[in-house]
Amino acid sequence: MEVIIYGKAGCIECDKTRMLCQIQSLAFQYLLVGSDITAEALQELVGQPVRSLPQIFVRTEEGEAYVGGYNELRTHLRQLSLTTA
């Protein structure tokens, strides 16, 4: 599993997301909105208006899925640990 994080500099939630991935030993990509991807392209990728960052996707063998923000990623990871326990 790989986590794809779209964020920006100075974003506390973006920093928390990267820390969570590091603590959980998850592979992740961190892409900056404005330099690695435009806000418009991110909105197209997400499929709805983007009003906050980070925007997070999870890539598995089955494909790539939109998760949401930091809290949604935490919930997603908790659910995964419950199903694999």
PDB file of N, CA and C in Angstrom:
ATOM      1  N   MET A   1       0.856  -1.186   0.000  1.00  0.00           N
ATOM      2  CA  MET A   1       0.000   0.000   0.000  1.00  0.00           C
ATOM      3  C   MET A   1       0.897   1.243   0.000  1.00  0.00           C
ATOM      4  N   GLU A   2       0.470   2.212  -0.785  1.00  0.00           N
ATOM      5  CA  GLU A   2       1.166   3.499  -0.821  1.00  0.00           C
ATOM      6  C   GLU A   2       0.141   4.613  -0.638  1.00  0.00           C
ATOM      7  N   VAL A   3       0.501   5.605   0.143  1.00  0.00           N
ATOM      8  CA  VAL A   3      -0.365   6.750   0.396  1.00  0.00           C
ATOM      9  C   VAL A   3       0.138   7.911  -0.459  1.00  0.00           C
ATOM     10  N   ILE A   4      -0.778   8.551  -1.181  1.00  0.00           N
ATOM     11  CA  ILE A   4      -0.437   9.725  -1.981  1.00  0.00           C
ATOM     12  C   ILE A   4      -1.086  10.925  -1.302  1.00  0.00           C
ATOM     13  N   ILE A   5      -0.243  11.868  -0.896  1.00  0.00           N
ATOM     14  CA  ILE A   5      -0.705  13.041  -0.147  1.00  0.00           C
ATOM     15  C   ILE A   5      -0.503  14.280  -1.010  1.00  0.00           C
ATOM     16  N   TYR A   6      -1.573  15.020  -1.232  1.00  0.00           N
ATOM     17  CA  TYR A   6      -1.492  16.318  -1.908  1.00  0.00           C
ATOM     18  C   TYR A   6      -1.616  17.375  -0.830  1.00  0.00           C
ATOM     19  N   GLY A   7      -0.575  18.176  -0.658  1.00  0.00           N
ATOM     20  CA  GLY A   7      -0.575  19.153   0.409  1.00  0.00           C
ATOM     21  C   GLY A   7       0.124  20.437   0.017  1.00  0.00           C
ATOM     22  N   LYS A   8       0.424  21.251   1.026  1.00  0.00           N
ATOM     23  CA  LYS A   8       1.133  22.511   0.787  1.00  0.00           C
ATOM     24  C   LYS A   8       2.043  22.795   1.980  1.00  0.00           C
ATOM     25  N   ALA A   9       3.022  23.646   1.761  1.00  0.00           N
ATOM     26  CA  ALA A   9       3.951  24.028   2.820  1.00  0.00           C
ATOM     27  C   ALA A   9       3.210  24.783   3.915  1.00  0.00           C
ATOM     28  N   GLY A  10       3.576  24.527   5.151  1.00  0.00           N
ATOM     29  CA  GLY A  10       2.970  25.237   6.274  1.00  0.00           C
ATOM     30  C   GLY A  10       1.624  24.692   6.705  1.00  0.00           C
ATOM     31  N   CYS A  11       1.210  23.572   6.157  1.00  0.00           N
ATOM     32  CA  CYS A  11      -0.087  22.964   6.480  1.00  0.00           C
ATOM     33  C   CYS A  11       0.105  21.947   7.609  1.00  0.00           C
ATOM     34  N   ILE A  12      -0.476  22.222   8.765  1.00  0.00           N
ATOM     35  CA  ILE A  12      -0.317  21.352   9.931  1.00  0.00           C
ATOM     36  C   ILE A  12      -0.911  19.971   9.677  1.00  0.00           C
ATOM     37  N   GLU A  13      -2.086  19.920   9.085  1.00  0.00           N
ATOM     38  CA  GLU A  13      -2.723  18.628   8.796  1.00  0.00           C
ATOM     39  C   GLU A  13      -1.883  17.820   7.802  1.00  0.00           C
ATOM     40  N   CYS A  14      -1.251  18.503   6.848  1.00  0.00           N
ATOM     41  CA  CYS A  14      -0.377  17.828   5.875  1.00  0.00           C
ATOM     42  C   CYS A  14       0.826  17.237   6.600  1.00  0.00           C
ATOM     43  N   ASP A  15       1.415  18.000   7.512  1.00  0.00           N
ATOM     44  CA  ASP A  15       2.555  17.513   8.291  1.00  0.00           C
ATOM     45  C   ASP A  15       2.153  16.330   9.165  1.00  0.00           C
ATOM     46  N   LYS A  16       0.974  16.402   9.778  1.00  0.00           N
ATOM     47  CA  LYS A  16       0.485  15.294  10.610  1.00  0.00           C
ATOM     48  C   LYS A  16       0.293  14.030   9.771  1.00  0.00           C
ATOM     49  N   THR A  17      -0.160  14.204   8.541  1.00  0.00           N
ATOM     50  CA  THR A  17      -0.375  13.057   7.651  1.00  0.00           C
ATOM     51  C   THR A  17       0.956  12.388   7.314  1.00  0.00           C
ATOM     52  N   ARG A  18       1.957  13.190   7.000  1.00  0.00           N
ATOM     53  CA  ARG A  18       3.286  12.618   6.712  1.00  0.00           C
ATOM     54  C   ARG A  18       3.835  11.898   7.943  1.00  0.00           C
ATOM     55  N   MET A  19       3.680  12.501   9.110  1.00  0.00           N
ATOM     56  CA  MET A  19       4.155  11.869  10.351  1.00  0.00           C
ATOM     57  C   MET A  19       3.439  10.540  10.607  1.00  0.00           C
ATOM     58  N   LEU A  20       2.127  10.517  10.384  1.00  0.00           N
ATOM     59  CA  LEU A  20       1.356   9.289  10.559  1.00  0.00           C
ATOM     60  C   LEU A  20       1.894   8.188   9.652  1.00  0.00           C
ATOM     61  N   CYS A  21       2.169   8.529   8.407  1.00  0.00           N
ATOM     62  CA  CYS A  21       2.712   7.543   7.465  1.00  0.00           C
ATOM     63  C   CYS A  21       4.076   7.049   7.926  1.00  0.00           C
ATOM     64  N   GLN A  22       4.912   7.948   8.414  1.00  0.00           N
ATOM     65  CA  GLN A  22       6.239   7.556   8.891  1.00  0.00           C
ATOM     66  C   GLN A  22       6.132   6.655  10.115  1.00  0.00           C
ATOM     67  N   ILE A  23       5.265   7.002  11.055  1.00  0.00           N
ATOM     68  CA  ILE A  23       5.081   6.204  12.274  1.00  0.00           C
ATOM     69  C   ILE A  23       4.558   4.809  11.933  1.00  0.00           C
ATOM     70  N   GLN A  24       3.645   4.748  10.958  1.00  0.00           N
ATOM     71  CA  GLN A  24       3.049   3.475  10.555  1.00  0.00           C
ATOM     72  C   GLN A  24       3.925   2.708   9.553  1.00  0.00           C
ATOM     73  N   SER A  25       5.073   3.277   9.200  1.00  0.00           N
ATOM     74  CA  SER A  25       5.988   2.689   8.201  1.00  0.00           C
ATOM     75  C   SER A  25       5.296   2.450   6.863  1.00  0.00           C
ATOM     76  N   LEU A  26       4.494   3.426   6.454  1.00  0.00           N
ATOM     77  CA  LEU A  26       3.785   3.346   5.177  1.00  0.00           C
ATOM     78  C   LEU A  26       4.562   4.106   4.111  1.00  0.00           C
ATOM     79  N   ALA A  27       4.650   3.510   2.941  1.00  0.00           N
ATOM     80  CA  ALA A  27       5.243   4.216   1.812  1.00  0.00           C
ATOM     81  C   ALA A  27       4.299   5.349   1.432  1.00  0.00           C
ATOM     82  N   PHE A  28       4.858   6.518   1.132  1.00  0.00           N
ATOM     83  CA  PHE A  28       3.999   7.629   0.728  1.00  0.00           C
ATOM     84  C   PHE A  28       4.723   8.552  -0.234  1.00  0.00           C
ATOM     85  N   GLN A  29       3.918   9.243  -1.030  1.00  0.00           N
ATOM     86  CA  GLN A  29       4.381  10.317  -1.905  1.00  0.00           C
ATOM     87  C   GLN A  29       3.752  11.593  -1.383  1.00  0.00           C
ATOM     88  N   TYR A  30       4.536  12.662  -1.349  1.00  0.00           N
ATOM     89  CA  TYR A  30       4.002  13.955  -0.926  1.00  0.00           C
ATOM     90  C   TYR A  30       4.148  14.916  -2.094  1.00  0.00           C
ATOM     91  N   LEU A  31       3.027  15.378  -2.611  1.00  0.00           N
ATOM     92  CA  LEU A  31       3.020  16.261  -3.773  1.00  0.00           C
ATOM     93  C   LEU A  31       2.473  17.621  -3.373  1.00  0.00           C
ATOM     94  N   LEU A  32       3.168  18.662  -3.789  1.00  0.00           N
ATOM     95  CA  LEU A  32       2.777  20.026  -3.435  1.00  0.00           C
ATOM     96  C   LEU A  32       1.793  20.603  -4.441  1.00  0.00           C
ATOM     97  N   VAL A  33       0.677  21.069  -3.926  1.00  0.00           N
ATOM     98  CA  VAL A  33      -0.311  21.744  -4.759  1.00  0.00           C
ATOM     99  C   VAL A  33       0.276  23.104  -5.138  1.00  0.00           C
ATOM    100  N   GLY A  34       0.286  23.384  -6.407  1.00  0.00           N
ATOM    101  CA  GLY A  34       0.846  24.630  -6.902  1.00  0.00           C
ATOM    102  C   GLY A  34       2.155  24.426  -7.636  1.00  0.00           C
ATOM    103  N   SER A  35       2.898  23.359  -7.287  1.00  0.00           N
ATOM    104  CA  SER A  35       4.128  23.089  -8.030  1.00  0.00           C
ATOM    105  C   SER A  35       4.114  21.699  -8.663  1.00  0.00           C
ATOM    106  N   ASP A  36       3.661  20.670  -7.936  1.00  0.00           N
ATOM    107  CA  ASP A  36       3.580  19.329  -8.504  1.00  0.00           C
ATOM    108  C   ASP A  36       2.252  19.084  -9.226  1.00  0.00           C
ATOM    109  N   ILE A  37       1.229  19.782  -8.793  1.00  0.00           N
ATOM    110  CA  ILE A  37      -0.100  19.657  -9.398  1.00  0.00           C
ATOM    111  C   ILE A  37      -0.832  20.980  -9.186  1.00  0.00           C
ATOM    112  N   THR A  38      -1.643  21.359 -10.156  1.00  0.00           N
ATOM    113  CA  THR A  38      -2.426  22.586  -9.996  1.00  0.00           C
ATOM    114  C   THR A  38      -3.658  22.292  -9.139  1.00  0.00           C
ATOM    115  N   ALA A  39      -4.200  23.328  -8.552  1.00  0.00           N
ATOM    116  CA  ALA A  39      -5.421  23.174  -7.760  1.00  0.00           C
ATOM    117  C   ALA A  39      -6.563  22.653  -8.628  1.00  0.00           C
ATOM    118  N   GLU A  40      -6.607  23.103  -9.871  1.00  0.00           N
ATOM    119  CA  GLU A  40      -7.662  22.657 -10.794  1.00  0.00           C
ATOM    120  C   GLU A  40      -7.521  21.176 -11.118  1.00  0.00           C
ATOM    121  N   ALA A  41      -6.284  20.726 -11.363  1.00  0.00           N
ATOM    122  CA  ALA A  41      -6.046  19.315 -11.667  1.00  0.00           C
ATOM    123  C   ALA A  41      -6.372  18.437 -10.466  1.00  0.00           C
ATOM    124  N   LEU A  42      -6.045  18.912  -9.263  1.00  0.00           N
ATOM    125  CA  LEU A  42      -6.377  18.156  -8.054  1.00  0.00           C
ATOM    126  C   LEU A  42      -7.884  18.043  -7.894  1.00  0.00           C
ATOM    127  N   GLN A  43      -8.588  19.123  -8.144  1.00  0.00           N
ATOM    128  CA  GLN A  43     -10.046  19.101  -8.044  1.00  0.00           C
ATOM    129  C   GLN A  43     -10.636  18.087  -9.019  1.00  0.00           C
ATOM    130  N   GLU A  44     -10.095  18.017 -10.229  1.00  0.00           N
ATOM    131  CA  GLU A  44     -10.555  17.020 -11.209  1.00  0.00           C
ATOM    132  C   GLU A  44     -10.273  15.614 -10.703  1.00  0.00           C
ATOM    133  N   LEU A  45      -9.099  15.409 -10.135  1.00  0.00           N
ATOM    134  CA  LEU A  45      -8.700  14.102  -9.630  1.00  0.00           C
ATOM    135  C   LEU A  45      -9.613  13.658  -8.490  1.00  0.00           C
ATOM    136  N   VAL A  46      -9.920  14.578  -7.591  1.00  0.00           N
ATOM    137  CA  VAL A  46     -10.772  14.279  -6.444  1.00  0.00           C
ATOM    138  C   VAL A  46     -12.230  14.084  -6.886  1.00  0.00           C
ATOM    139  N   GLY A  47     -12.647  14.838  -7.889  1.00  0.00           N
ATOM    140  CA  GLY A  47     -14.006  14.712  -8.387  1.00  0.00           C
ATOM    141  C   GLY A  47     -15.019  15.574  -7.664  1.00  0.00           C
ATOM    142  N   GLN A  48     -14.531  16.519  -6.881  1.00  0.00           N
ATOM    143  CA  GLN A  48     -15.403  17.453  -6.163  1.00  0.00           C
ATOM    144  C   GLN A  48     -14.579  18.679  -5.794  1.00  0.00           C
ATOM    145  N   PRO A  49     -15.212  19.757  -5.396  1.00  0.00           N
ATOM    146  CA  PRO A  49     -14.447  20.946  -5.005  1.00  0.00           C
ATOM    147  C   PRO A  49     -13.497  20.643  -3.844  1.00  0.00           C
ATOM    148  N   VAL A  50     -12.275  21.140  -3.952  1.00  0.00           N
ATOM    149  CA  VAL A  50     -11.273  20.949  -2.905  1.00  0.00           C
ATOM    150  C   VAL A  50     -11.196  22.237  -2.094  1.00  0.00           C
ATOM    151  N   ARG A  51     -11.556  22.127  -0.824  1.00  0.00           N
ATOM    152  CA  ARG A  51     -11.571  23.310   0.034  1.00  0.00           C
ATOM    153  C   ARG A  51     -10.531  23.234   1.146  1.00  0.00           C
ATOM    154  N   SER A  52      -9.886  22.069   1.275  1.00  0.00           N
ATOM    155  CA  SER A  52      -8.886  21.917   2.336  1.00  0.00           C
ATOM    156  C   SER A  52      -7.813  20.921   1.895  1.00  0.00           C
ATOM    157  N   LEU A  53      -6.707  20.976   2.580  1.00  0.00           N
ATOM    158  CA  LEU A  53      -5.612  20.053   2.335  1.00  0.00           C
ATOM    159  C   LEU A  53      -5.242  19.430   3.676  1.00  0.00           C
ATOM    160  N   PRO A  54      -4.726  18.229   3.676  1.00  0.00           N
ATOM    161  CA  PRO A  54      -4.334  17.436   2.519  1.00  0.00           C
ATOM    162  C   PRO A  54      -5.514  16.723   1.875  1.00  0.00           C
ATOM    163  N   GLN A  55      -5.303  16.313   0.640  1.00  0.00           N
ATOM    164  CA  GLN A  55      -6.207  15.418  -0.057  1.00  0.00           C
ATOM    165  C   GLN A  55      -5.410  14.131  -0.242  1.00  0.00           C
ATOM    166  N   ILE A  56      -5.983  13.012   0.173  1.00  0.00           N
ATOM    167  CA  ILE A  56      -5.231  11.768   0.279  1.00  0.00           C
ATOM    168  C   ILE A  56      -5.875  10.655  -0.536  1.00  0.00           C
ATOM    169  N   PHE A  57      -5.006   9.929  -1.232  1.00  0.00           N
ATOM    170  CA  PHE A  57      -5.394   8.732  -1.975  1.00  0.00           C
ATOM    171  C   PHE A  57      -4.570   7.571  -1.437  1.00  0.00           C
ATOM    172  N   VAL A  58      -5.114   6.357  -1.563  1.00  0.00           N
ATOM    173  CA  VAL A  58      -4.380   5.149  -1.190  1.00  0.00           C
ATOM    174  C   VAL A  58      -4.299   4.264  -2.426  1.00  0.00           C
ATOM    175  N   ARG A  59      -3.084   3.824  -2.731  1.00  0.00           N
ATOM    176  CA  ARG A  59      -2.851   2.956  -3.881  1.00  0.00           C
ATOM    177  C   ARG A  59      -2.524   1.553  -3.366  1.00  0.00           C
ATOM    178  N   THR A  60      -3.293   0.581  -3.849  1.00  0.00           N
ATOM    179  CA  THR A  60      -3.062  -0.827  -3.509  1.00  0.00           C
ATOM    180  C   THR A  60      -2.969  -1.616  -4.805  1.00  0.00           C
ATOM    181  N   GLU A  61      -2.820  -2.911  -4.686  1.00  0.00           N
ATOM    182  CA  GLU A  61      -2.790  -3.768  -5.873  1.00  0.00           C
ATOM    183  C   GLU A  61      -4.104  -3.687  -6.642  1.00  0.00           C
ATOM    184  N   GLU A  62      -5.193  -3.408  -5.929  1.00  0.00           N
ATOM    185  CA  GLU A  62      -6.513  -3.323  -6.564  1.00  0.00           C
ATOM    186  C   GLU A  62      -6.724  -2.015  -7.316  1.00  0.00           C
ATOM    187  N   GLY A  63      -5.905  -1.008  -7.035  1.00  0.00           N
ATOM    188  CA  GLY A  63      -6.053   0.285  -7.693  1.00  0.00           C
ATOM    189  C   GLY A  63      -5.869   1.427  -6.707  1.00  0.00           C
ATOM    190  N   GLU A  64      -6.327   2.598  -7.124  1.00  0.00           N
ATOM    191  CA  GLU A  64      -6.166   3.810  -6.319  1.00  0.00           C
ATOM    192  C   GLU A  64      -7.535   4.296  -5.867  1.00  0.00           C
ATOM    193  N   ALA A  65      -7.637   4.659  -4.591  1.00  0.00           N
ATOM    194  CA  ALA A  65      -8.918   5.105  -4.038  1.00  0.00           C
ATOM    195  C   ALA A  65      -8.736   6.410  -3.273  1.00  0.00           C
ATOM    196  N   TYR A  66      -9.686   7.301  -3.445  1.00  0.00           N
ATOM    197  CA  TYR A  66      -9.700   8.563  -2.709  1.00  0.00           C
ATOM    198  C   TYR A  66     -10.129   8.294  -1.279  1.00  0.00           C
ATOM    199  N   VAL A  67      -9.381   8.829  -0.307  1.00  0.00           N
ATOM    200  CA  VAL A  67      -9.690   8.628   1.104  1.00  0.00           C
ATOM    201  C   VAL A  67     -10.304   9.879   1.712  1.00  0.00           C
ATOM    202  N   GLY A  68      -9.736  11.042   1.429  1.00  0.00           N
ATOM    203  CA  GLY A  68     -10.211  12.298   2.021  1.00  0.00           C
ATOM    204  C   GLY A  68      -9.052  13.038   2.651  1.00  0.00           C
ATOM    205  N   GLY A  69      -9.222  13.458   3.904  1.00  0.00           N
ATOM    206  CA  GLY A  69      -8.192  14.202   4.617  1.00  0.00           C
ATOM    207  C   GLY A  69      -7.526  13.357   5.687  1.00  0.00           C
ATOM    208  N   TYR A  70      -6.853  14.021   6.604  1.00  0.00           N
ATOM    209  CA  TYR A  70      -6.089  13.351   7.664  1.00  0.00           C
ATOM    210  C   TYR A  70      -6.965  12.434   8.514  1.00  0.00           C
ATOM    211  N   ASN A  71      -8.092  12.938   9.002  1.00  0.00           N
ATOM    212  CA  ASN A  71      -8.957  12.125   9.868  1.00  0.00           C
ATOM    213  C   ASN A  71      -9.507  10.913   9.139  1.00  0.00           C
ATOM    214  N   GLU A  72      -9.834  11.075   7.874  1.00  0.00           N
ATOM    215  CA  GLU A  72     -10.342   9.949   7.088  1.00  0.00           C
ATOM    216  C   GLU A  72      -9.248   8.894   6.890  1.00  0.00           C
ATOM    217  N   LEU A  73      -8.001   9.342   6.726  1.00  0.00           N
ATOM    218  CA  LEU A  73      -6.900   8.381   6.594  1.00  0.00           C
ATOM    219  C   LEU A  73      -6.732   7.598   7.888  1.00  0.00           C
ATOM    220  N   ARG A  74      -6.787   8.272   9.036  1.00  0.00           N
ATOM    221  CA  ARG A  74      -6.680   7.577  10.327  1.00  0.00           C
ATOM    222  C   ARG A  74      -7.779   6.518  10.459  1.00  0.00           C
ATOM    223  N   THR A  75      -9.000   6.878  10.106  1.00  0.00           N
ATOM    224  CA  THR A  75     -10.116   5.935  10.164  1.00  0.00           C
ATOM    225  C   THR A  75      -9.873   4.759   9.220  1.00  0.00           C
ATOM    226  N   HIS A  76      -9.430   5.052   8.022  1.00  0.00           N
ATOM    227  CA  HIS A  76      -9.148   4.019   7.018  1.00  0.00           C
ATOM    228  C   HIS A  76      -8.096   3.037   7.538  1.00  0.00           C
ATOM    229  N   LEU A  77      -7.028   3.555   8.129  1.00  0.00           N
ATOM    230  CA  LEU A  77      -5.959   2.698   8.645  1.00  0.00           C
ATOM    231  C   LEU A  77      -6.439   1.854   9.822  1.00  0.00           C
ATOM    232  N   ARG A  78      -7.281   2.429  10.684  1.00  0.00           N
ATOM    233  CA  ARG A  78      -7.850   1.669  11.800  1.00  0.00           C
ATOM    234  C   ARG A  78      -8.695   0.510  11.288  1.00  0.00           C
ATOM    235  N   GLN A  79      -9.524   0.790  10.274  1.00  0.00           N
ATOM    236  CA  GLN A  79     -10.374  -0.254   9.714  1.00  0.00           C
ATOM    237  C   GLN A  79      -9.540  -1.364   9.082  1.00  0.00           C
ATOM    238  N   LEU A  80      -8.443  -0.988   8.413  1.00  0.00           N
ATOM    239  CA  LEU A  80      -7.556  -1.996   7.827  1.00  0.00           C
ATOM    240  C   LEU A  80      -6.925  -2.858   8.899  1.00  0.00           C
ATOM    241  N   SER A  81      -6.499  -2.256  10.001  1.00  0.00           N
ATOM    242  CA  SER A  81      -5.855  -3.045  11.065  1.00  0.00           C
ATOM    243  C   SER A  81      -6.865  -3.980  11.739  1.00  0.00           C
ATOM    244  N   LEU A  82      -8.121  -3.592  11.792  1.00  0.00           N
ATOM    245  CA  LEU A  82      -9.139  -4.461  12.378  1.00  0.00           C
ATOM    246  C   LEU A  82      -9.431  -5.659  11.489  1.00  0.00           C
ATOM    247  N   THR A  83      -9.397  -5.455  10.176  1.00  0.00           N
ATOM    248  CA  THR A  83      -9.706  -6.557   9.254  1.00  0.00           C
ATOM    249  C   THR A  83      -8.521  -7.496   9.081  1.00  0.00           C
ATOM    250  N   THR A  84      -7.313  -7.045   9.381  1.00  0.00           N
ATOM    251  CA  THR A  84      -6.143  -7.909   9.246  1.00  0.00           C
ATOM    252  C   THR A  84      -5.719  -8.540  10.575  1.00  0.00           C
ATOM    253  N   ALA A  85      -6.385  -8.158  11.655  1.00  0.00           N
ATOM    254  CA  ALA A  85      -6.009  -8.681  12.982  1.00  0.00           C
ATOM    255  C   ALA A  85      -6.591 -10.057  13.207  1.00  0.00           C
TER     256      ALA A  85
END
